[in-house]
Amino acid sequence: MSSPPVAASRRAELVLRLCVGAAVLSAAAWLFGAIAEDIVTSDRLTVLDVEVARWLRAHATPEVTRWMLLVTDLHSTIAVSCYAAIVGAALAWRRRWRHLATVFVCIAGGLMLNVLMKLAFHRARPILDDPLLTLTSYSFPSGHVAGSTLMYGLVVAWTFTRTRRPLVRVAVVIAAAGAIALVAFTRMYLGVHFLSDVAAAFAEGVAWLALCLSALTAFWGRAPLAPSPATRDGDASVIARRQP
């Protein structure tokens, strides 16, 4: 069995993670709800959506468009699913079942949630003069941004469990946020999503990650601590002395 100080420290860390997860979930869910309400009621945000979409289309150039297409293709829902499958195969090979379950629940579940949200809101794509891309699927929320948020969010979560160095954590958060923002910009630049689509997708992805990681942390946190080698050796010596 683990010593009382170790068990207390682990319980305190578990409680802290759950509190942070609940706070992030609440904030992200509130943001998604606020955006969704504006979309349903055609509030002022929808006017800003159209203005931003038209401005981006008017300032598009062929050179930038090629780079935007490359970035957006590398972050499609199919691409994110392939990345997750490769990571999942590596985790299964190493028998990292908890990590494999985390990747599956967060990525597959999050992408499925995005599909359900699209069907629930059935918002049409932007309609522009001379569009760069034309898609017939629903627009809200963006699948590319949701998938990127899930993928890079898991990288951030993994980093936080591996190191306590503030500079490393901050660097990874900034890099992940920059990558997600870039993907969001490509979707707006190409004229296939509104500003509210990508903002809601980010909120959706963060909320789903917070929910899944908090739930898995709570579930696995109930398991007893594995005894350390020193504890096992100490227990073995005590048993040996008690034997006749």
C-alpha atoms as a PDB file:
ATOM      1  CA  MET A   1       0.000   0.000   0.000  1.00  0.00           C
ATOM      2  CA  SER A   2       1.091   3.615  -0.535  1.00  0.00           C
ATOM      3  CA  SER A   3       2.108   5.808   2.355  1.00  0.00           C
ATOM      4  CA  PRO A   4      -0.429   8.385   3.635  1.00  0.00           C
ATOM      5  CA  PRO A   5       1.567  11.417   2.392  1.00  0.00           C
ATOM      6  CA  VAL A   6       1.786   9.975  -1.133  1.00  0.00           C
ATOM      7  CA  ALA A   7      -1.920   9.119  -1.205  1.00  0.00           C
ATOM      8  CA  ALA A   8      -2.868  12.575   0.102  1.00  0.00           C
ATOM      9  CA  SER A   9      -0.667  14.256  -2.500  1.00  0.00           C
ATOM     10  CA  ARG A  10      -2.242  12.241  -5.279  1.00  0.00           C
ATOM     11  CA  ARG A  11      -5.760  13.027  -4.054  1.00  0.00           C
ATOM     12  CA  ALA A  12      -4.920  16.734  -3.913  1.00  0.00           C
ATOM     13  CA  GLU A  13      -3.566  16.634  -7.468  1.00  0.00           C
ATOM     14  CA  LEU A  14      -6.677  14.791  -8.624  1.00  0.00           C
ATOM     15  CA  VAL A  15      -8.971  17.364  -7.043  1.00  0.00           C
ATOM     16  CA  LEU A  16      -6.982  20.203  -8.614  1.00  0.00           C
ATOM     17  CA  ARG A  17      -7.198  18.642 -12.080  1.00  0.00           C
ATOM     18  CA  LEU A  18     -10.937  18.111 -11.732  1.00  0.00           C
ATOM     19  CA  CYS A  19     -11.475  21.703 -10.598  1.00  0.00           C
ATOM     20  CA  VAL A  20      -9.475  23.066 -13.510  1.00  0.00           C
ATOM     21  CA  GLY A  21     -11.336  20.781 -15.903  1.00  0.00           C
ATOM     22  CA  ALA A  22     -14.708  21.900 -14.568  1.00  0.00           C
ATOM     23  CA  ALA A  23     -13.735  25.567 -14.902  1.00  0.00           C
ATOM     24  CA  VAL A  24     -12.505  25.131 -18.484  1.00  0.00           C
ATOM     25  CA  LEU A  25     -15.595  23.102 -19.407  1.00  0.00           C
ATOM     26  CA  SER A  26     -17.933  25.741 -17.996  1.00  0.00           C
ATOM     27  CA  ALA A  27     -16.179  28.614 -19.782  1.00  0.00           C
ATOM     28  CA  ALA A  28     -16.003  26.814 -23.136  1.00  0.00           C
ATOM     29  CA  ALA A  29     -19.613  25.643 -22.937  1.00  0.00           C
ATOM     30  CA  TRP A  30     -20.758  29.178 -22.115  1.00  0.00           C
ATOM     31  CA  LEU A  31     -18.834  30.582 -25.100  1.00  0.00           C
ATOM     32  CA  PHE A  32     -20.290  27.990 -27.458  1.00  0.00           C
ATOM     33  CA  GLY A  33     -23.787  28.665 -26.162  1.00  0.00           C
ATOM     34  CA  ALA A  34     -23.411  32.421 -26.594  1.00  0.00           C
ATOM     35  CA  ILE A  35     -22.228  32.025 -30.186  1.00  0.00           C
ATOM     36  CA  ALA A  36     -24.929  29.492 -31.004  1.00  0.00           C
ATOM     37  CA  GLU A  37     -27.601  31.809 -29.625  1.00  0.00           C
ATOM     38  CA  ASP A  38     -26.422  34.638 -31.879  1.00  0.00           C
ATOM     39  CA  ILE A  39     -26.480  32.310 -34.869  1.00  0.00           C
ATOM     40  CA  VAL A  40     -29.984  31.049 -34.187  1.00  0.00           C
ATOM     41  CA  THR A  41     -31.369  34.538 -33.589  1.00  0.00           C
ATOM     42  CA  SER A  42     -29.364  36.148 -36.452  1.00  0.00           C
ATOM     43  CA  ASP A  43     -27.845  38.637 -34.035  1.00  0.00           C
ATOM     44  CA  ARG A  44     -25.090  41.189 -34.749  1.00  0.00           C
ATOM     45  CA  LEU A  45     -22.438  38.468 -34.876  1.00  0.00           C
ATOM     46  CA  THR A  46     -23.905  37.185 -38.138  1.00  0.00           C
ATOM     47  CA  VAL A  47     -23.461  40.643 -39.684  1.00  0.00           C
ATOM     48  CA  LEU A  48     -19.806  40.631 -38.664  1.00  0.00           C
ATOM     49  CA  ASP A  49     -19.513  37.141 -40.170  1.00  0.00           C
ATOM     50  CA  VAL A  50     -20.537  38.390 -43.599  1.00  0.00           C
ATOM     51  CA  GLU A  51     -18.328  41.477 -43.452  1.00  0.00           C
ATOM     52  CA  VAL A  52     -15.235  39.453 -42.521  1.00  0.00           C
ATOM     53  CA  ALA A  53     -15.941  36.847 -45.205  1.00  0.00           C
ATOM     54  CA  ARG A  54     -16.315  39.485 -47.914  1.00  0.00           C
ATOM     55  CA  TRP A  55     -13.184  41.357 -46.823  1.00  0.00           C
ATOM     56  CA  LEU A  56     -11.055  38.211 -46.862  1.00  0.00           C
ATOM     57  CA  ARG A  57     -12.318  37.230 -50.299  1.00  0.00           C
ATOM     58  CA  ALA A  58     -11.576  40.698 -51.675  1.00  0.00           C
ATOM     59  CA  HIS A  59      -7.975  40.533 -50.437  1.00  0.00           C
ATOM     60  CA  ALA A  60      -7.179  36.942 -51.465  1.00  0.00           C
ATOM     61  CA  THR A  61      -4.146  36.298 -53.677  1.00  0.00           C
ATOM     62  CA  PRO A  62      -3.133  33.151 -55.591  1.00  0.00           C
ATOM     63  CA  GLU A  63       0.136  32.736 -53.678  1.00  0.00           C
ATOM     64  CA  VAL A  64      -1.509  32.933 -50.266  1.00  0.00           C
ATOM     65  CA  THR A  65      -4.352  30.719 -51.426  1.00  0.00           C
ATOM     66  CA  ARG A  66      -1.948  27.882 -52.256  1.00  0.00           C
ATOM     67  CA  TRP A  67      -0.490  27.969 -48.745  1.00  0.00           C
ATOM     68  CA  MET A  68      -3.935  28.186 -47.181  1.00  0.00           C
ATOM     69  CA  LEU A  69      -5.047  25.103 -49.105  1.00  0.00           C
ATOM     70  CA  LEU A  70      -1.983  23.175 -47.944  1.00  0.00           C
ATOM     71  CA  VAL A  71      -2.525  24.030 -44.282  1.00  0.00           C
ATOM     72  CA  THR A  72      -6.240  23.314 -44.405  1.00  0.00           C
ATOM     73  CA  ASP A  73      -5.747  19.941 -46.133  1.00  0.00           C
ATOM     74  CA  LEU A  74      -3.243  18.879 -43.476  1.00  0.00           C
ATOM     75  CA  HIS A  75      -5.855  19.587 -40.801  1.00  0.00           C
ATOM     76  CA  SER A  76      -8.977  18.092 -42.326  1.00  0.00           C
ATOM     77  CA  THR A  77     -11.075  15.727 -40.247  1.00  0.00           C
ATOM     78  CA  ILE A  78      -9.746  12.837 -42.329  1.00  0.00           C
ATOM     79  CA  ALA A  79      -6.154  13.934 -41.731  1.00  0.00           C
ATOM     80  CA  VAL A  80      -6.724  14.315 -37.976  1.00  0.00           C
ATOM     81  CA  SER A  81      -8.332  10.875 -37.898  1.00  0.00           C
ATOM     82  CA  CYS A  82      -5.293   9.401 -39.675  1.00  0.00           C
ATOM     83  CA  TYR A  83      -2.908  11.069 -37.234  1.00  0.00           C
ATOM     84  CA  ALA A  84      -4.932   9.702 -34.331  1.00  0.00           C
ATOM     85  CA  ALA A  85      -4.950   6.221 -35.883  1.00  0.00           C
ATOM     86  CA  ILE A  86      -1.148   6.259 -36.246  1.00  0.00           C
ATOM     87  CA  VAL A  87      -0.696   7.377 -32.634  1.00  0.00           C
ATOM     88  CA  GLY A  88      -3.254   4.818 -31.514  1.00  0.00           C
ATOM     89  CA  ALA A  89      -1.423   2.013 -33.283  1.00  0.00           C
ATOM     90  CA  ALA A  90       1.841   3.043 -31.633  1.00  0.00           C
ATOM     91  CA  LEU A  91       0.170   3.150 -28.217  1.00  0.00           C
ATOM     92  CA  ALA A  92      -1.404  -0.273 -28.760  1.00  0.00           C
ATOM     93  CA  TRP A  93       1.996  -1.684 -29.769  1.00  0.00           C
ATOM     94  CA  ARG A  94       3.440  -0.392 -26.505  1.00  0.00           C
ATOM     95  CA  ARG A  95       0.347  -1.564 -24.564  1.00  0.00           C
ATOM     96  CA  ARG A  96      -0.447   1.918 -23.349  1.00  0.00           C
ATOM     97  CA  TRP A  97      -4.130   1.176 -23.035  1.00  0.00           C
ATOM     98  CA  ARG A  98      -5.105   4.228 -20.985  1.00  0.00           C
ATOM     99  CA  HIS A  99      -3.416   6.573 -23.429  1.00  0.00           C
ATOM    100  CA  LEU A 100      -5.052   4.720 -26.320  1.00  0.00           C
ATOM    101  CA  ALA A 101      -8.479   5.084 -24.715  1.00  0.00           C
ATOM    102  CA  THR A 102      -7.847   8.782 -24.159  1.00  0.00           C
ATOM    103  CA  VAL A 103      -6.935   9.384 -27.804  1.00  0.00           C
ATOM    104  CA  PHE A 104      -9.926   7.389 -29.046  1.00  0.00           C
ATOM    105  CA  VAL A 105     -12.495   9.019 -26.770  1.00  0.00           C
ATOM    106  CA  CYS A 106     -11.211  12.556 -27.303  1.00  0.00           C
ATOM    107  CA  ILE A 107     -10.612  12.456 -31.064  1.00  0.00           C
ATOM    108  CA  ALA A 108     -13.274  10.055 -32.318  1.00  0.00           C
ATOM    109  CA  GLY A 109     -15.879  11.273 -29.851  1.00  0.00           C
ATOM    110  CA  GLY A 110     -15.099  14.924 -30.553  1.00  0.00           C
ATOM    111  CA  LEU A 111     -15.347  14.504 -34.319  1.00  0.00           C
ATOM    112  CA  MET A 112     -18.641  12.667 -33.945  1.00  0.00           C
ATOM    113  CA  LEU A 113     -19.938  15.463 -31.724  1.00  0.00           C
ATOM    114  CA  ASN A 114     -19.016  17.966 -34.417  1.00  0.00           C
ATOM    115  CA  VAL A 115     -21.040  16.057 -36.993  1.00  0.00           C
ATOM    116  CA  LEU A 116     -24.038  16.046 -34.656  1.00  0.00           C
ATOM    117  CA  MET A 117     -23.696  19.783 -34.073  1.00  0.00           C
ATOM    118  CA  LYS A 118     -23.648  20.421 -37.815  1.00  0.00           C
ATOM    119  CA  LEU A 119     -26.824  18.392 -38.237  1.00  0.00           C
ATOM    120  CA  ALA A 120     -28.469  20.171 -35.321  1.00  0.00           C
ATOM    121  CA  PHE A 121     -27.812  23.709 -36.570  1.00  0.00           C
ATOM    122  CA  HIS A 122     -27.743  22.954 -40.355  1.00  0.00           C
ATOM    123  CA  ARG A 123     -26.199  26.336 -41.149  1.00  0.00           C
ATOM    124  CA  ALA A 124     -25.372  26.996 -44.786  1.00  0.00           C
ATOM    125  CA  ARG A 125     -21.867  27.817 -45.987  1.00  0.00           C
ATOM    126  CA  PRO A 126     -20.933  31.421 -46.843  1.00  0.00           C
ATOM    127  CA  ILE A 127     -22.245  32.614 -50.198  1.00  0.00           C
ATOM    128  CA  LEU A 128     -19.656  34.783 -51.948  1.00  0.00           C
ATOM    129  CA  ASP A 129     -19.055  36.165 -55.413  1.00  0.00           C
ATOM    130  CA  ASP A 130     -16.394  34.100 -57.180  1.00  0.00           C
ATOM    131  CA  PRO A 131     -15.717  31.760 -54.214  1.00  0.00           C
ATOM    132  CA  LEU A 132     -12.358  30.040 -53.811  1.00  0.00           C
ATOM    133  CA  LEU A 133     -14.025  26.820 -52.649  1.00  0.00           C
ATOM    134  CA  THR A 134     -17.587  25.568 -52.757  1.00  0.00           C
ATOM    135  CA  LEU A 135     -18.894  22.993 -50.277  1.00  0.00           C
ATOM    136  CA  THR A 136     -22.407  21.657 -49.853  1.00  0.00           C
ATOM    137  CA  SER A 137     -22.070  20.383 -46.290  1.00  0.00           C
ATOM    138  CA  TYR A 138     -23.130  22.362 -43.235  1.00  0.00           C
ATOM    139  CA  SER A 139     -20.957  25.125 -41.839  1.00  0.00           C
ATOM    140  CA  PHE A 140     -21.477  25.417 -38.079  1.00  0.00           C
ATOM    141  CA  PRO A 141     -19.241  24.551 -36.302  1.00  0.00           C
ATOM    142  CA  SER A 142     -16.049  24.024 -38.322  1.00  0.00           C
ATOM    143  CA  GLY A 143     -14.850  20.423 -38.421  1.00  0.00           C
ATOM    144  CA  HIS A 144     -11.282  21.415 -39.301  1.00  0.00           C
ATOM    145  CA  VAL A 145     -10.984  23.717 -36.305  1.00  0.00           C
ATOM    146  CA  ALA A 146     -12.690  21.264 -33.969  1.00  0.00           C
ATOM    147  CA  GLY A 147     -10.351  18.463 -35.031  1.00  0.00           C
ATOM    148  CA  SER A 148      -7.284  20.687 -34.723  1.00  0.00           C
ATOM    149  CA  THR A 149      -8.385  21.820 -31.267  1.00  0.00           C
ATOM    150  CA  LEU A 150      -8.777  18.222 -30.150  1.00  0.00           C
ATOM    151  CA  MET A 151      -5.434  17.162 -31.592  1.00  0.00           C
ATOM    152  CA  TYR A 152      -3.330  20.053 -30.356  1.00  0.00           C
ATOM    153  CA  GLY A 153      -5.248  20.157 -27.095  1.00  0.00           C
ATOM    154  CA  LEU A 154      -4.185  16.592 -26.387  1.00  0.00           C
ATOM    155  CA  VAL A 155      -0.582  17.581 -27.076  1.00  0.00           C
ATOM    156  CA  VAL A 156      -0.909  20.362 -24.509  1.00  0.00           C
ATOM    157  CA  ALA A 157      -2.489  18.022 -21.960  1.00  0.00           C
ATOM    158  CA  TRP A 158       0.238  15.421 -22.520  1.00  0.00           C
ATOM    159  CA  THR A 159       2.930  18.070 -22.078  1.00  0.00           C
ATOM    160  CA  PHE A 160       1.419  19.232 -18.788  1.00  0.00           C
ATOM    161  CA  THR A 161       1.552  15.675 -17.452  1.00  0.00           C
ATOM    162  CA  ARG A 162       5.188  15.268 -18.506  1.00  0.00           C
ATOM    163  CA  THR A 163       6.825  18.441 -17.273  1.00  0.00           C
ATOM    164  CA  ARG A 164       6.328  21.139 -14.671  1.00  0.00           C
ATOM    165  CA  ARG A 165       8.687  23.625 -16.340  1.00  0.00           C
ATOM    166  CA  PRO A 166       6.685  26.836 -16.897  1.00  0.00           C
ATOM    167  CA  LEU A 167       8.594  27.884 -20.012  1.00  0.00           C
ATOM    168  CA  VAL A 168       7.977  24.566 -21.721  1.00  0.00           C
ATOM    169  CA  ARG A 169       4.288  24.622 -20.854  1.00  0.00           C
ATOM    170  CA  VAL A 170       3.828  28.199 -22.026  1.00  0.00           C
ATOM    171  CA  ALA A 171       5.706  27.508 -25.268  1.00  0.00           C
ATOM    172  CA  VAL A 172       3.557  24.478 -26.061  1.00  0.00           C
ATOM    173  CA  VAL A 173       0.325  26.359 -25.292  1.00  0.00           C
ATOM    174  CA  ILE A 174       1.364  29.261 -27.532  1.00  0.00           C
ATOM    175  CA  ALA A 175       2.384  26.917 -30.351  1.00  0.00           C
ATOM    176  CA  ALA A 176      -0.882  24.968 -30.118  1.00  0.00           C
ATOM    177  CA  ALA A 177      -2.972  28.144 -30.014  1.00  0.00           C
ATOM    178  CA  GLY A 178      -1.084  29.521 -33.005  1.00  0.00           C
ATOM    179  CA  ALA A 179      -1.627  26.332 -35.011  1.00  0.00           C
ATOM    180  CA  ILE A 180      -5.349  26.299 -34.234  1.00  0.00           C
ATOM    181  CA  ALA A 181      -5.660  29.995 -35.095  1.00  0.00           C
ATOM    182  CA  LEU A 182      -3.890  29.378 -38.409  1.00  0.00           C
ATOM    183  CA  VAL A 183      -6.267  26.565 -39.310  1.00  0.00           C
ATOM    184  CA  ALA A 184      -9.225  28.767 -38.373  1.00  0.00           C
ATOM    185  CA  PHE A 185      -7.886  31.554 -40.575  1.00  0.00           C
ATOM    186  CA  THR A 186      -7.493  29.218 -43.552  1.00  0.00           C
ATOM    187  CA  ARG A 187     -11.131  28.181 -43.305  1.00  0.00           C
ATOM    188  CA  MET A 188     -12.296  31.801 -43.258  1.00  0.00           C
ATOM    189  CA  TYR A 189      -9.834  32.849 -45.948  1.00  0.00           C
ATOM    190  CA  LEU A 190     -11.018  30.104 -48.284  1.00  0.00           C
ATOM    191  CA  GLY A 191     -14.595  31.253 -47.769  1.00  0.00           C
ATOM    192  CA  VAL A 192     -15.970  27.986 -46.418  1.00  0.00           C
ATOM    193  CA  HIS A 193     -16.594  29.153 -42.854  1.00  0.00           C
ATOM    194  CA  PHE A 194     -17.705  32.244 -41.009  1.00  0.00           C
ATOM    195  CA  LEU A 195     -15.858  33.729 -38.054  1.00  0.00           C
ATOM    196  CA  SER A 196     -18.521  32.371 -35.697  1.00  0.00           C
ATOM    197  CA  ASP A 197     -18.100  28.876 -37.164  1.00  0.00           C
ATOM    198  CA  VAL A 198     -14.436  28.648 -36.230  1.00  0.00           C
ATOM    199  CA  ALA A 199     -14.890  30.338 -32.844  1.00  0.00           C
ATOM    200  CA  ALA A 200     -17.666  27.928 -31.902  1.00  0.00           C
ATOM    201  CA  ALA A 201     -15.609  24.965 -33.107  1.00  0.00           C
ATOM    202  CA  PHE A 202     -12.750  25.997 -30.852  1.00  0.00           C
ATOM    203  CA  ALA A 203     -15.106  26.292 -27.881  1.00  0.00           C
ATOM    204  CA  GLU A 204     -16.676  22.935 -28.736  1.00  0.00           C
ATOM    205  CA  GLY A 205     -13.294  21.219 -28.920  1.00  0.00           C
ATOM    206  CA  VAL A 206     -12.071  22.702 -25.645  1.00  0.00           C
ATOM    207  CA  ALA A 207     -15.311  21.775 -23.871  1.00  0.00           C
ATOM    208  CA  TRP A 208     -15.179  18.193 -25.145  1.00  0.00           C
ATOM    209  CA  LEU A 209     -11.538  17.800 -24.169  1.00  0.00           C
ATOM    210  CA  ALA A 210     -12.189  19.178 -20.690  1.00  0.00           C
ATOM    211  CA  LEU A 211     -15.146  16.834 -20.237  1.00  0.00           C
ATOM    212  CA  CYS A 212     -13.317  13.733 -21.455  1.00  0.00           C
ATOM    213  CA  LEU A 213     -10.044  14.362 -19.651  1.00  0.00           C
ATOM    214  CA  SER A 214     -11.838  15.208 -16.400  1.00  0.00           C
ATOM    215  CA  ALA A 215     -14.036  12.118 -16.625  1.00  0.00           C
ATOM    216  CA  LEU A 216     -11.110   9.823 -17.411  1.00  0.00           C
ATOM    217  CA  THR A 217      -9.017  11.394 -14.662  1.00  0.00           C
ATOM    218  CA  ALA A 218     -11.797  10.857 -12.136  1.00  0.00           C
ATOM    219  CA  PHE A 219     -12.359   7.274 -13.286  1.00  0.00           C
ATOM    220  CA  TRP A 220      -8.711   6.248 -13.237  1.00  0.00           C
ATOM    221  CA  GLY A 221      -8.027   8.270 -10.126  1.00  0.00           C
ATOM    222  CA  ARG A 222     -10.220   5.864  -8.163  1.00  0.00           C
ATOM    223  CA  ALA A 223      -7.730   3.033  -8.798  1.00  0.00           C
ATOM    224  CA  PRO A 224      -5.394   2.281  -5.869  1.00  0.00           C
ATOM    225  CA  LEU A 225      -1.845   3.499  -6.117  1.00  0.00           C
ATOM    226  CA  ALA A 226       0.663   0.917  -7.261  1.00  0.00           C
ATOM    227  CA  PRO A 227       3.198   0.310  -4.506  1.00  0.00           C
ATOM    228  CA  SER A 228       6.632   1.726  -5.193  1.00  0.00           C
ATOM    229  CA  PRO A 229       9.675  -0.600  -5.346  1.00  0.00           C
ATOM    230  CA  ALA A 230      10.897   0.714  -1.988  1.00  0.00           C
ATOM    231  CA  THR A 231       7.533   0.019  -0.394  1.00  0.00           C
ATOM    232  CA  ARG A 232       7.394  -3.459  -1.872  1.00  0.00           C
ATOM    233  CA  ASP A 233      10.913  -4.226  -0.590  1.00  0.00           C
ATOM    234  CA  GLY A 234      10.000  -2.907   2.856  1.00  0.00           C
ATOM    235  CA  ASP A 235       6.832  -4.999   2.980  1.00  0.00           C
ATOM    236  CA  ALA A 236       8.754  -8.079   1.873  1.00  0.00           C
ATOM    237  CA  SER A 237      11.361  -7.618   4.613  1.00  0.00           C
ATOM    238  CA  VAL A 238       8.648  -7.220   7.265  1.00  0.00           C
ATOM    239  CA  ILE A 239       6.936 -10.404   6.113  1.00  0.00           C
ATOM    240  CA  ALA A 240      10.260 -12.254   6.091  1.00  0.00           C
ATOM    241  CA  ARG A 241      10.980 -11.233   9.684  1.00  0.00           C
ATOM    242  CA  ARG A 242       7.539 -12.351  10.821  1.00  0.00           C
ATOM    243  CA  GLN A 243       7.930 -15.795   9.309  1.00  0.00           C
ATOM    244  CA  PRO A 244       9.296 -18.487  11.737  1.00  0.00           C
END
